[in-house]
Amino acid sequence: MNTPLSSAAKMLLVSIAFCLLLVGVRMYYTGSIMYGFYIWNMVLAVMPLIFSRQLVHRRPLHWRSLLLLGGWLVFFPNAPYLVTDILHFTSASSAPRWFDLVLVTTAAWNGLLLGALSLMHIEGFLALHFSKPAVSGILLFIMVLCGYGVYLGRFLRFNSWDVLTDPYALFSIVGQHWLQPAAHVTVWAFTLLFAGMFAIFYFTLKYLKQ
């Protein structure tokens, strides 16, 4: 069941439109598609919110709900992933640095907000079926999975589609990371630090809302 857009969701749409406007203006001004990837990355970042909105009021825990939850989990890291696109910020640019700074910062902000809002939907769904301590534990585990997913996307260049298009390569790498964590300290250092950063952002928003 679809739910009406909240005021927060409407403002988020304004923020996304502002970011895409910046990308469009930059492409027009410079004649370059250097930051054109933000258009596709923003589409992917919105996907978790689309899935999570379908789960907000789904009380029965049946296969449709689990399928939506699985789809959400696969796409969820795409939202916070936008933070890592800051790495593309460079002084060697045909656009003013201040313009690019506003662009990459706005995109990162949108990614965090999209991720947080979709996770709030998921938290509400989980609260219908599990105890409060269990929900808290699941949320923390999801954040760790999110940090790990961002690592896979940013540094190993996997994407959500690889679950279907290249599962062997994806799960081979994942198996190595999870079965031999001591041999992949950098992977888990980034994963836990990113998860911690997102957790602080998420719970800050949550408590401000309260």
N, C-alpha and C. Protein backbone atom coordinates (compact mmCIF):
# COMPACT_ATOMS: atom_id res chain seq x y z
N MET A 1 0.84 -1.19 0.00
CA MET A 1 0.00 0.00 0.00
C MET A 1 0.88 1.24 0.00
N ASN A 2 0.62 2.16 -0.91
CA ASN A 2 1.36 3.41 -0.97
C ASN A 2 0.88 4.36 0.12
N THR A 3 1.81 5.12 0.67
CA THR A 3 1.47 6.10 1.68
C THR A 3 1.75 7.50 1.13
N PRO A 4 0.97 8.51 1.56
CA PRO A 4 1.21 9.87 1.09
C PRO A 4 2.62 10.34 1.46
N LEU A 5 3.19 11.18 0.63
CA LEU A 5 4.51 11.70 0.93
C LEU A 5 4.45 12.62 2.14
N SER A 6 5.37 12.42 3.06
CA SER A 6 5.46 13.29 4.22
C SER A 6 6.11 14.61 3.82
N SER A 7 6.05 15.58 4.72
CA SER A 7 6.69 16.87 4.46
C SER A 7 8.19 16.68 4.28
N ALA A 8 8.77 15.77 5.08
CA ALA A 8 10.20 15.50 4.98
C ALA A 8 10.54 14.92 3.61
N ALA A 9 9.69 14.01 3.13
CA ALA A 9 9.93 13.39 1.83
C ALA A 9 9.82 14.41 0.71
N LYS A 10 8.87 15.33 0.84
CA LYS A 10 8.72 16.38 -0.17
C LYS A 10 9.95 17.29 -0.21
N MET A 11 10.47 17.63 0.97
CA MET A 11 11.67 18.46 1.01
C MET A 11 12.87 17.71 0.44
N LEU A 12 12.88 16.41 0.66
CA LEU A 12 13.95 15.59 0.10
C LEU A 12 13.90 15.61 -1.42
N LEU A 13 12.71 15.56 -1.98
CA LEU A 13 12.56 15.65 -3.43
C LEU A 13 13.07 16.99 -3.95
N VAL A 14 12.81 18.04 -3.20
CA VAL A 14 13.32 19.37 -3.58
C VAL A 14 14.85 19.35 -3.57
N SER A 15 15.42 18.72 -2.55
CA SER A 15 16.87 18.65 -2.43
C SER A 15 17.48 17.85 -3.57
N ILE A 16 16.83 16.75 -3.95
CA ILE A 16 17.31 15.93 -5.07
C ILE A 16 17.24 16.72 -6.37
N ALA A 17 16.10 17.41 -6.56
CA ALA A 17 15.94 18.22 -7.77
C ALA A 17 17.00 19.31 -7.84
N PHE A 18 17.33 19.90 -6.70
CA PHE A 18 18.37 20.94 -6.66
C PHE A 18 19.72 20.37 -7.09
N CYS A 19 20.03 19.17 -6.60
CA CYS A 19 21.30 18.52 -6.95
C CYS A 19 21.35 18.22 -8.45
N LEU A 20 20.27 17.67 -8.99
CA LEU A 20 20.24 17.36 -10.41
C LEU A 20 20.29 18.63 -11.26
N LEU A 21 19.70 19.72 -10.76
CA LEU A 21 19.79 21.00 -11.45
C LEU A 21 21.24 21.47 -11.52
N LEU A 22 21.97 21.31 -10.42
CA LEU A 22 23.38 21.67 -10.40
C LEU A 22 24.16 20.87 -11.42
N VAL A 23 23.86 19.57 -11.51
CA VAL A 23 24.53 18.71 -12.50
C VAL A 23 24.24 19.21 -13.91
N GLY A 24 22.95 19.52 -14.17
CA GLY A 24 22.56 20.00 -15.49
C GLY A 24 23.24 21.31 -15.85
N VAL A 25 23.27 22.23 -14.90
CA VAL A 25 23.92 23.53 -15.13
C VAL A 25 25.40 23.33 -15.40
N ARG A 26 26.02 22.44 -14.65
CA ARG A 26 27.46 22.19 -14.84
C ARG A 26 27.74 21.60 -16.22
N MET A 27 26.93 20.64 -16.63
CA MET A 27 27.12 20.03 -17.94
C MET A 27 26.93 21.06 -19.05
N TYR A 28 25.96 21.95 -18.89
CA TYR A 28 25.71 22.98 -19.90
C TYR A 28 26.85 23.99 -19.94
N TYR A 29 27.31 24.40 -18.77
CA TYR A 29 28.35 25.44 -18.68
C TYR A 29 29.69 24.94 -19.20
N THR A 30 30.04 23.70 -18.85
CA THR A 30 31.37 23.17 -19.19
C THR A 30 31.39 22.37 -20.49
N GLY A 31 30.21 21.90 -20.94
CA GLY A 31 30.18 21.01 -22.09
C GLY A 31 30.77 19.66 -21.79
N SER A 32 30.89 19.33 -20.49
CA SER A 32 31.48 18.07 -20.06
C SER A 32 30.46 17.25 -19.28
N ILE A 33 30.56 15.93 -19.40
CA ILE A 33 29.68 15.04 -18.62
C ILE A 33 30.42 14.47 -17.42
N MET A 34 31.44 15.18 -16.96
CA MET A 34 32.30 14.71 -15.88
C MET A 34 31.51 14.23 -14.65
N TYR A 35 30.50 15.01 -14.25
CA TYR A 35 29.70 14.65 -13.09
C TYR A 35 28.33 14.08 -13.49
N GLY A 36 28.23 13.65 -14.73
CA GLY A 36 26.97 13.08 -15.19
C GLY A 36 26.58 11.80 -14.47
N PHE A 37 27.57 11.13 -13.88
CA PHE A 37 27.28 9.88 -13.15
C PHE A 37 26.34 10.11 -11.98
N TYR A 38 26.27 11.37 -11.50
CA TYR A 38 25.39 11.65 -10.37
C TYR A 38 23.92 11.38 -10.72
N ILE A 39 23.57 11.51 -11.97
CA ILE A 39 22.17 11.29 -12.37
C ILE A 39 21.79 9.84 -12.11
N TRP A 40 22.62 8.90 -12.60
CA TRP A 40 22.34 7.49 -12.40
C TRP A 40 22.49 7.09 -10.93
N ASN A 41 23.52 7.61 -10.28
CA ASN A 41 23.71 7.27 -8.87
C ASN A 41 22.56 7.76 -8.01
N MET A 42 21.96 8.89 -8.38
CA MET A 42 20.82 9.39 -7.63
C MET A 42 19.60 8.50 -7.84
N VAL A 43 19.44 8.00 -9.07
CA VAL A 43 18.34 7.07 -9.34
C VAL A 43 18.48 5.84 -8.46
N LEU A 44 19.69 5.29 -8.39
CA LEU A 44 19.94 4.10 -7.57
C LEU A 44 19.71 4.41 -6.08
N ALA A 45 20.06 5.63 -5.67
CA ALA A 45 19.90 6.00 -4.27
C ALA A 45 18.44 6.13 -3.86
N VAL A 46 17.57 6.44 -4.83
CA VAL A 46 16.14 6.56 -4.55
C VAL A 46 15.47 5.18 -4.43
N MET A 47 16.07 4.17 -5.03
CA MET A 47 15.47 2.83 -5.04
C MET A 47 15.15 2.30 -3.64
N PRO A 48 16.05 2.42 -2.66
CA PRO A 48 15.70 1.93 -1.32
C PRO A 48 14.45 2.57 -0.74
N LEU A 49 14.27 3.87 -1.02
CA LEU A 49 13.09 4.58 -0.51
C LEU A 49 11.82 4.04 -1.17
N ILE A 50 11.90 3.70 -2.45
CA ILE A 50 10.75 3.13 -3.15
C ILE A 50 10.36 1.80 -2.53
N PHE A 51 11.34 0.96 -2.25
CA PHE A 51 11.06 -0.34 -1.61
C PHE A 51 10.51 -0.15 -0.20
N SER A 52 11.16 0.72 0.57
CA SER A 52 10.78 0.84 1.98
C SER A 52 9.38 1.42 2.16
N ARG A 53 8.96 2.31 1.26
CA ARG A 53 7.63 2.89 1.37
C ARG A 53 6.53 1.84 1.19
N GLN A 54 6.87 0.76 0.48
CA GLN A 54 5.89 -0.31 0.30
C GLN A 54 5.74 -1.16 1.56
N LEU A 55 6.68 -1.01 2.49
CA LEU A 55 6.69 -1.86 3.69
C LEU A 55 6.15 -1.15 4.93
N VAL A 56 5.91 0.14 4.83
CA VAL A 56 5.58 0.93 6.02
C VAL A 56 4.42 0.34 6.81
N HIS A 57 3.34 -0.04 6.15
CA HIS A 57 2.15 -0.51 6.86
C HIS A 57 1.83 -1.99 6.56
N ARG A 58 2.82 -2.72 6.10
CA ARG A 58 2.59 -4.16 5.83
C ARG A 58 2.75 -4.95 7.11
N ARG A 59 1.64 -5.27 7.75
CA ARG A 59 1.73 -6.02 9.00
C ARG A 59 1.99 -7.51 8.78
N PRO A 60 1.30 -8.18 7.85
CA PRO A 60 1.58 -9.61 7.67
C PRO A 60 3.01 -9.84 7.20
N LEU A 61 3.71 -10.76 7.84
CA LEU A 61 5.08 -11.08 7.46
C LEU A 61 5.04 -12.29 6.53
N HIS A 62 4.79 -12.02 5.23
CA HIS A 62 4.71 -13.12 4.28
C HIS A 62 5.76 -12.93 3.20
N TRP A 63 5.71 -13.77 2.16
CA TRP A 63 6.79 -13.79 1.17
C TRP A 63 6.91 -12.47 0.40
N ARG A 64 5.80 -11.76 0.19
CA ARG A 64 5.88 -10.48 -0.51
C ARG A 64 6.66 -9.46 0.32
N SER A 65 6.38 -9.45 1.62
CA SER A 65 7.10 -8.54 2.50
C SER A 65 8.59 -8.86 2.53
N LEU A 66 8.90 -10.15 2.61
CA LEU A 66 10.30 -10.57 2.65
C LEU A 66 11.00 -10.25 1.33
N LEU A 67 10.27 -10.36 0.22
CA LEU A 67 10.86 -10.04 -1.08
C LEU A 67 11.16 -8.54 -1.16
N LEU A 68 10.23 -7.71 -0.70
CA LEU A 68 10.46 -6.27 -0.68
C LEU A 68 11.62 -5.92 0.25
N LEU A 69 11.68 -6.59 1.39
CA LEU A 69 12.76 -6.33 2.34
C LEU A 69 14.11 -6.72 1.73
N GLY A 70 14.14 -7.85 1.02
CA GLY A 70 15.37 -8.27 0.37
C GLY A 70 15.80 -7.29 -0.71
N GLY A 71 14.83 -6.82 -1.51
CA GLY A 71 15.14 -5.83 -2.54
C GLY A 71 15.66 -4.55 -1.93
N TRP A 72 15.04 -4.13 -0.84
CA TRP A 72 15.50 -2.92 -0.16
C TRP A 72 16.94 -3.09 0.32
N LEU A 73 17.24 -4.24 0.93
CA LEU A 73 18.57 -4.47 1.50
C LEU A 73 19.65 -4.45 0.41
N VAL A 74 19.32 -5.01 -0.76
CA VAL A 74 20.29 -5.04 -1.86
C VAL A 74 20.60 -3.63 -2.35
N PHE A 75 19.58 -2.77 -2.41
CA PHE A 75 19.78 -1.43 -2.96
C PHE A 75 20.13 -0.39 -1.89
N PHE A 76 19.95 -0.71 -0.63
CA PHE A 76 20.13 0.26 0.44
C PHE A 76 21.50 0.96 0.42
N PRO A 77 22.62 0.23 0.23
CA PRO A 77 23.92 0.92 0.26
C PRO A 77 24.08 1.98 -0.83
N ASN A 78 23.26 1.92 -1.89
CA ASN A 78 23.38 2.90 -2.96
C ASN A 78 23.10 4.32 -2.49
N ALA A 79 22.33 4.47 -1.42
CA ALA A 79 22.02 5.81 -0.92
C ALA A 79 23.23 6.42 -0.18
N PRO A 80 23.70 5.80 0.90
CA PRO A 80 24.88 6.37 1.57
C PRO A 80 26.13 6.36 0.70
N TYR A 81 26.14 5.52 -0.33
CA TYR A 81 27.28 5.46 -1.26
C TYR A 81 27.59 6.83 -1.87
N LEU A 82 26.57 7.67 -2.01
CA LEU A 82 26.78 8.99 -2.60
C LEU A 82 27.80 9.82 -1.81
N VAL A 83 27.97 9.50 -0.54
CA VAL A 83 28.97 10.21 0.25
C VAL A 83 30.36 10.00 -0.35
N THR A 84 30.63 8.80 -0.82
CA THR A 84 31.97 8.49 -1.33
C THR A 84 32.25 9.14 -2.68
N ASP A 85 31.23 9.66 -3.35
CA ASP A 85 31.47 10.36 -4.61
C ASP A 85 32.22 11.67 -4.39
N ILE A 86 32.36 12.06 -3.13
CA ILE A 86 33.18 13.23 -2.81
C ILE A 86 34.62 13.01 -3.30
N LEU A 87 35.02 11.75 -3.42
CA LEU A 87 36.37 11.45 -3.89
C LEU A 87 36.61 11.96 -5.32
N HIS A 88 35.54 12.23 -6.05
CA HIS A 88 35.68 12.74 -7.41
C HIS A 88 35.94 14.24 -7.45
N PHE A 89 35.80 14.89 -6.30
CA PHE A 89 36.03 16.34 -6.25
C PHE A 89 37.50 16.63 -6.52
N THR A 90 37.77 17.50 -7.45
CA THR A 90 39.14 17.79 -7.84
C THR A 90 39.29 19.25 -8.22
N SER A 91 40.52 19.74 -8.05
CA SER A 91 40.78 21.12 -8.42
C SER A 91 40.96 21.25 -9.93
N ALA A 92 41.28 20.14 -10.60
CA ALA A 92 41.45 20.15 -12.06
C ALA A 92 40.09 20.05 -12.73
N SER A 93 39.37 21.17 -12.74
CA SER A 93 38.00 21.16 -13.24
C SER A 93 37.75 22.40 -14.09
N SER A 94 36.88 22.23 -15.08
CA SER A 94 36.52 23.36 -15.93
C SER A 94 35.41 24.21 -15.32
N ALA A 95 34.88 23.78 -14.19
CA ALA A 95 33.87 24.55 -13.46
C ALA A 95 34.52 25.16 -12.21
N PRO A 96 33.96 26.23 -11.68
CA PRO A 96 34.53 26.82 -10.45
C PRO A 96 34.53 25.79 -9.32
N ARG A 97 35.58 25.79 -8.52
CA ARG A 97 35.70 24.83 -7.42
C ARG A 97 34.54 24.97 -6.44
N TRP A 98 34.13 26.23 -6.19
CA TRP A 98 33.05 26.44 -5.23
C TRP A 98 31.75 25.80 -5.73
N PHE A 99 31.54 25.81 -7.04
CA PHE A 99 30.33 25.20 -7.61
C PHE A 99 30.38 23.69 -7.42
N ASP A 100 31.53 23.09 -7.75
CA ASP A 100 31.66 21.64 -7.60
C ASP A 100 31.55 21.22 -6.14
N LEU A 101 32.05 22.06 -5.24
CA LEU A 101 31.97 21.76 -3.82
C LEU A 101 30.52 21.70 -3.36
N VAL A 102 29.72 22.66 -3.79
CA VAL A 102 28.29 22.66 -3.45
C VAL A 102 27.62 21.42 -4.04
N LEU A 103 27.99 21.06 -5.27
CA LEU A 103 27.38 19.91 -5.94
C LEU A 103 27.65 18.61 -5.19
N VAL A 104 28.92 18.32 -4.92
CA VAL A 104 29.25 17.04 -4.28
C VAL A 104 28.74 16.98 -2.85
N THR A 105 28.71 18.13 -2.18
CA THR A 105 28.19 18.16 -0.80
C THR A 105 26.68 17.92 -0.80
N THR A 106 25.98 18.53 -1.74
CA THR A 106 24.54 18.33 -1.84
C THR A 106 24.20 16.87 -2.15
N ALA A 107 24.97 16.27 -3.05
CA ALA A 107 24.74 14.87 -3.39
C ALA A 107 24.98 13.96 -2.19
N ALA A 108 26.05 14.22 -1.44
CA ALA A 108 26.35 13.42 -0.25
C ALA A 108 25.24 13.56 0.79
N TRP A 109 24.78 14.78 0.98
CA TRP A 109 23.69 15.05 1.92
C TRP A 109 22.43 14.29 1.52
N ASN A 110 22.12 14.33 0.22
CA ASN A 110 20.94 13.60 -0.26
C ASN A 110 21.07 12.11 -0.03
N GLY A 111 22.26 11.57 -0.26
CA GLY A 111 22.47 10.15 -0.04
C GLY A 111 22.22 9.74 1.40
N LEU A 112 22.74 10.53 2.32
CA LEU A 112 22.53 10.24 3.74
C LEU A 112 21.05 10.35 4.11
N LEU A 113 20.38 11.37 3.60
CA LEU A 113 18.96 11.56 3.92
C LEU A 113 18.10 10.44 3.33
N LEU A 114 18.38 10.07 2.09
CA LEU A 114 17.63 8.98 1.45
C LEU A 114 17.81 7.68 2.23
N GLY A 115 19.05 7.42 2.62
CA GLY A 115 19.31 6.21 3.39
C GLY A 115 18.61 6.23 4.74
N ALA A 116 18.69 7.36 5.43
CA ALA A 116 18.08 7.47 6.76
C ALA A 116 16.57 7.35 6.69
N LEU A 117 15.94 8.02 5.73
CA LEU A 117 14.49 7.98 5.63
C LEU A 117 14.00 6.57 5.30
N SER A 118 14.68 5.89 4.39
CA SER A 118 14.26 4.53 4.05
C SER A 118 14.48 3.59 5.24
N LEU A 119 15.54 3.81 6.00
CA LEU A 119 15.79 2.96 7.17
C LEU A 119 14.76 3.22 8.26
N MET A 120 14.27 4.45 8.37
CA MET A 120 13.20 4.73 9.32
C MET A 120 11.94 3.95 8.96
N HIS A 121 11.65 3.86 7.66
CA HIS A 121 10.51 3.03 7.22
C HIS A 121 10.71 1.57 7.62
N ILE A 122 11.92 1.08 7.39
CA ILE A 122 12.22 -0.32 7.72
C ILE A 122 12.13 -0.55 9.23
N GLU A 123 12.61 0.41 10.00
CA GLU A 123 12.52 0.28 11.46
C GLU A 123 11.06 0.19 11.89
N GLY A 124 10.21 1.02 11.27
CA GLY A 124 8.79 0.95 11.59
C GLY A 124 8.19 -0.39 11.24
N PHE A 125 8.59 -0.95 10.11
CA PHE A 125 8.11 -2.28 9.70
C PHE A 125 8.58 -3.35 10.66
N LEU A 126 9.86 -3.31 11.02
CA LEU A 126 10.41 -4.32 11.94
C LEU A 126 9.74 -4.24 13.31
N ALA A 127 9.39 -3.01 13.73
CA ALA A 127 8.77 -2.83 15.04
C ALA A 127 7.40 -3.51 15.13
N LEU A 128 6.78 -3.78 13.98
CA LEU A 128 5.49 -4.47 13.97
C LEU A 128 5.64 -5.96 14.26
N HIS A 129 6.87 -6.46 14.12
CA HIS A 129 7.06 -7.91 14.19
C HIS A 129 8.07 -8.36 15.24
N PHE A 130 8.91 -7.44 15.74
CA PHE A 130 9.96 -7.84 16.68
C PHE A 130 9.97 -6.91 17.88
N SER A 131 10.63 -7.38 18.94
CA SER A 131 10.75 -6.57 20.15
C SER A 131 11.72 -5.41 19.90
N LYS A 132 11.67 -4.41 20.76
CA LYS A 132 12.53 -3.23 20.60
C LYS A 132 14.01 -3.58 20.63
N PRO A 133 14.48 -4.44 21.58
CA PRO A 133 15.91 -4.81 21.55
C PRO A 133 16.30 -5.54 20.27
N ALA A 134 15.40 -6.39 19.77
CA ALA A 134 15.69 -7.11 18.54
C ALA A 134 15.78 -6.16 17.36
N VAL A 135 14.89 -5.18 17.30
CA VAL A 135 14.91 -4.19 16.22
C VAL A 135 16.21 -3.40 16.26
N SER A 136 16.65 -3.00 17.45
CA SER A 136 17.90 -2.24 17.58
C SER A 136 19.08 -3.06 17.07
N GLY A 137 19.10 -4.36 17.43
CA GLY A 137 20.17 -5.22 16.97
C GLY A 137 20.16 -5.39 15.46
N ILE A 138 18.98 -5.55 14.89
CA ILE A 138 18.86 -5.70 13.43
C ILE A 138 19.31 -4.43 12.72
N LEU A 139 18.94 -3.27 13.28
CA LEU A 139 19.34 -2.00 12.67
C LEU A 139 20.86 -1.86 12.63
N LEU A 140 21.51 -2.20 13.73
CA LEU A 140 22.96 -2.10 13.77
C LEU A 140 23.61 -3.05 12.77
N PHE A 141 23.05 -4.25 12.65
CA PHE A 141 23.58 -5.21 11.68
C PHE A 141 23.38 -4.70 10.26
N ILE A 142 22.24 -4.09 10.00
CA ILE A 142 21.97 -3.52 8.68
C ILE A 142 22.98 -2.42 8.36
N MET A 143 23.32 -1.62 9.35
CA MET A 143 24.28 -0.55 9.13
C MET A 143 25.66 -1.09 8.79
N VAL A 144 26.03 -2.19 9.45
CA VAL A 144 27.31 -2.84 9.12
C VAL A 144 27.27 -3.38 7.69
N LEU A 145 26.16 -4.02 7.32
CA LEU A 145 26.01 -4.51 5.95
C LEU A 145 26.06 -3.36 4.95
N CYS A 146 25.49 -2.22 5.33
CA CYS A 146 25.52 -1.04 4.47
C CYS A 146 26.95 -0.57 4.25
N GLY A 147 27.71 -0.46 5.33
CA GLY A 147 29.10 -0.05 5.21
C GLY A 147 29.89 -1.01 4.34
N TYR A 148 29.61 -2.30 4.50
CA TYR A 148 30.29 -3.31 3.68
C TYR A 148 29.89 -3.17 2.21
N GLY A 149 28.61 -2.95 1.97
CA GLY A 149 28.13 -2.77 0.60
C GLY A 149 28.75 -1.56 -0.07
N VAL A 150 28.91 -0.48 0.69
CA VAL A 150 29.55 0.72 0.15
C VAL A 150 31.00 0.43 -0.22
N TYR A 151 31.68 -0.35 0.61
CA TYR A 151 33.06 -0.73 0.30
C TYR A 151 33.12 -1.52 -1.01
N LEU A 152 32.22 -2.50 -1.15
CA LEU A 152 32.20 -3.31 -2.37
C LEU A 152 31.96 -2.44 -3.60
N GLY A 153 31.09 -1.46 -3.46
CA GLY A 153 30.77 -0.61 -4.59
C GLY A 153 31.85 0.39 -4.92
N ARG A 154 32.39 1.05 -3.92
CA ARG A 154 33.37 2.11 -4.15
C ARG A 154 34.74 1.56 -4.55
N PHE A 155 35.23 0.57 -3.83
CA PHE A 155 36.62 0.14 -4.01
C PHE A 155 36.77 -1.13 -4.86
N LEU A 156 35.75 -1.98 -4.89
CA LEU A 156 35.83 -3.19 -5.71
C LEU A 156 34.93 -3.10 -6.93
N ARG A 157 34.17 -2.01 -7.04
CA ARG A 157 33.36 -1.68 -8.22
C ARG A 157 32.23 -2.68 -8.49
N PHE A 158 31.76 -3.35 -7.47
CA PHE A 158 30.55 -4.16 -7.61
C PHE A 158 29.34 -3.24 -7.51
N ASN A 159 28.20 -3.68 -8.04
CA ASN A 159 26.96 -2.93 -7.88
C ASN A 159 25.82 -3.88 -7.54
N SER A 160 24.66 -3.31 -7.24
CA SER A 160 23.53 -4.12 -6.79
C SER A 160 23.12 -5.18 -7.82
N TRP A 161 23.30 -4.86 -9.10
CA TRP A 161 22.88 -5.79 -10.15
C TRP A 161 23.73 -7.06 -10.17
N ASP A 162 24.94 -6.99 -9.60
CA ASP A 162 25.83 -8.15 -9.65
C ASP A 162 25.30 -9.34 -8.86
N VAL A 163 24.35 -9.10 -7.98
CA VAL A 163 23.70 -10.21 -7.27
C VAL A 163 23.06 -11.15 -8.27
N LEU A 164 22.59 -10.60 -9.40
CA LEU A 164 21.95 -11.42 -10.44
C LEU A 164 22.86 -11.65 -11.64
N THR A 165 23.66 -10.63 -12.01
CA THR A 165 24.43 -10.73 -13.25
C THR A 165 25.80 -11.38 -13.07
N ASP A 166 26.39 -11.26 -11.89
CA ASP A 166 27.71 -11.85 -11.66
C ASP A 166 27.82 -12.37 -10.23
N PRO A 167 26.91 -13.26 -9.84
CA PRO A 167 26.88 -13.71 -8.45
C PRO A 167 28.13 -14.48 -8.03
N TYR A 168 28.74 -15.23 -8.97
CA TYR A 168 29.91 -16.03 -8.59
C TYR A 168 31.06 -15.15 -8.12
N ALA A 169 31.39 -14.12 -8.93
CA ALA A 169 32.49 -13.23 -8.56
C ALA A 169 32.18 -12.48 -7.27
N LEU A 170 30.93 -12.01 -7.15
CA LEU A 170 30.54 -11.26 -5.96
C LEU A 170 30.64 -12.11 -4.70
N PHE A 171 30.01 -13.28 -4.71
CA PHE A 171 29.97 -14.09 -3.50
C PHE A 171 31.31 -14.75 -3.20
N SER A 172 32.16 -14.89 -4.22
CA SER A 172 33.51 -15.39 -3.99
C SER A 172 34.31 -14.40 -3.16
N ILE A 173 34.22 -13.12 -3.53
CA ILE A 173 34.90 -12.07 -2.78
C ILE A 173 34.31 -11.93 -1.38
N VAL A 174 32.98 -11.91 -1.31
CA VAL A 174 32.31 -11.78 -0.01
C VAL A 174 32.70 -12.91 0.92
N GLY A 175 32.76 -14.13 0.38
CA GLY A 175 33.15 -15.28 1.19
C GLY A 175 34.54 -15.12 1.78
N GLN A 176 35.47 -14.62 0.97
CA GLN A 176 36.83 -14.40 1.47
C GLN A 176 36.85 -13.38 2.60
N HIS A 177 36.09 -12.30 2.43
CA HIS A 177 36.07 -11.25 3.46
C HIS A 177 35.49 -11.74 4.78
N TRP A 178 34.41 -12.51 4.70
CA TRP A 178 33.72 -12.94 5.90
C TRP A 178 34.36 -14.15 6.57
N LEU A 179 34.97 -15.04 5.77
CA LEU A 179 35.60 -16.24 6.33
C LEU A 179 37.02 -15.99 6.80
N GLN A 180 37.66 -14.94 6.25
CA GLN A 180 39.03 -14.62 6.64
C GLN A 180 39.15 -13.13 6.96
N PRO A 181 38.44 -12.68 7.99
CA PRO A 181 38.43 -11.24 8.30
C PRO A 181 39.81 -10.69 8.66
N ALA A 182 40.65 -11.49 9.28
CA ALA A 182 41.97 -11.02 9.69
C ALA A 182 42.85 -10.68 8.49
N ALA A 183 42.55 -11.29 7.35
CA ALA A 183 43.33 -11.03 6.14
C ALA A 183 42.81 -9.83 5.36
N HIS A 184 41.74 -9.25 5.85
CA HIS A 184 41.13 -8.12 5.13
C HIS A 184 40.78 -7.01 6.13
N VAL A 185 41.81 -6.57 6.86
CA VAL A 185 41.62 -5.58 7.92
C VAL A 185 41.08 -4.26 7.35
N THR A 186 41.59 -3.85 6.19
CA THR A 186 41.16 -2.59 5.60
C THR A 186 39.67 -2.62 5.27
N VAL A 187 39.21 -3.76 4.75
CA VAL A 187 37.79 -3.91 4.41
C VAL A 187 36.92 -3.66 5.63
N TRP A 188 37.28 -4.30 6.74
CA TRP A 188 36.43 -4.21 7.93
C TRP A 188 36.63 -2.91 8.69
N ALA A 189 37.82 -2.32 8.56
CA ALA A 189 38.03 -1.00 9.17
C ALA A 189 37.12 0.03 8.51
N PHE A 190 37.10 0.03 7.17
CA PHE A 190 36.21 0.95 6.45
C PHE A 190 34.76 0.64 6.77
N THR A 191 34.40 -0.64 6.72
CA THR A 191 33.00 -1.05 6.96
C THR A 191 32.50 -0.55 8.31
N LEU A 192 33.27 -0.76 9.35
CA LEU A 192 32.83 -0.39 10.70
C LEU A 192 32.84 1.13 10.89
N LEU A 193 33.84 1.80 10.33
CA LEU A 193 33.87 3.26 10.46
C LEU A 193 32.71 3.90 9.71
N PHE A 194 32.43 3.41 8.50
CA PHE A 194 31.32 3.98 7.74
C PHE A 194 30.00 3.67 8.44
N ALA A 195 29.86 2.45 8.95
CA ALA A 195 28.64 2.09 9.68
C ALA A 195 28.46 2.98 10.90
N GLY A 196 29.57 3.25 11.60
CA GLY A 196 29.49 4.12 12.77
C GLY A 196 29.08 5.54 12.40
N MET A 197 29.66 6.05 11.30
CA MET A 197 29.29 7.39 10.83
C MET A 197 27.81 7.46 10.49
N PHE A 198 27.32 6.46 9.77
CA PHE A 198 25.92 6.48 9.37
C PHE A 198 25.00 6.30 10.58
N ALA A 199 25.42 5.47 11.53
CA ALA A 199 24.62 5.26 12.74
C ALA A 199 24.46 6.57 13.51
N ILE A 200 25.55 7.33 13.64
CA ILE A 200 25.48 8.62 14.34
C ILE A 200 24.52 9.56 13.61
N PHE A 201 24.63 9.61 12.28
CA PHE A 201 23.75 10.46 11.49
C PHE A 201 22.30 10.02 11.65
N TYR A 202 22.05 8.72 11.57
CA TYR A 202 20.68 8.20 11.63
C TYR A 202 20.03 8.48 12.98
N PHE A 203 20.72 8.14 14.05
CA PHE A 203 20.11 8.30 15.37
C PHE A 203 20.00 9.78 15.76
N THR A 204 20.90 10.61 15.24
CA THR A 204 20.76 12.05 15.47
C THR A 204 19.47 12.57 14.83
N LEU A 205 19.24 12.18 13.58
CA LEU A 205 17.99 12.59 12.90
C LEU A 205 16.77 12.04 13.64
N LYS A 206 16.87 10.82 14.06
CA LYS A 206 15.74 10.17 14.73
C LYS A 206 15.38 10.89 16.03
N TYR A 207 16.38 11.23 16.82
CA TYR A 207 16.12 11.89 18.09
C TYR A 207 15.70 13.35 17.90
N LEU A 208 16.22 13.99 16.86
CA LEU A 208 15.76 15.34 16.54
C LEU A 208 14.30 15.34 16.16
N LYS A 209 13.90 14.30 15.42
CA LYS A 209 12.51 14.16 15.02
C LYS A 209 11.61 14.01 16.24
N GLN A 210 12.08 13.25 17.23
CA GLN A 210 11.29 13.04 18.45
C GLN A 210 11.18 14.33 19.25
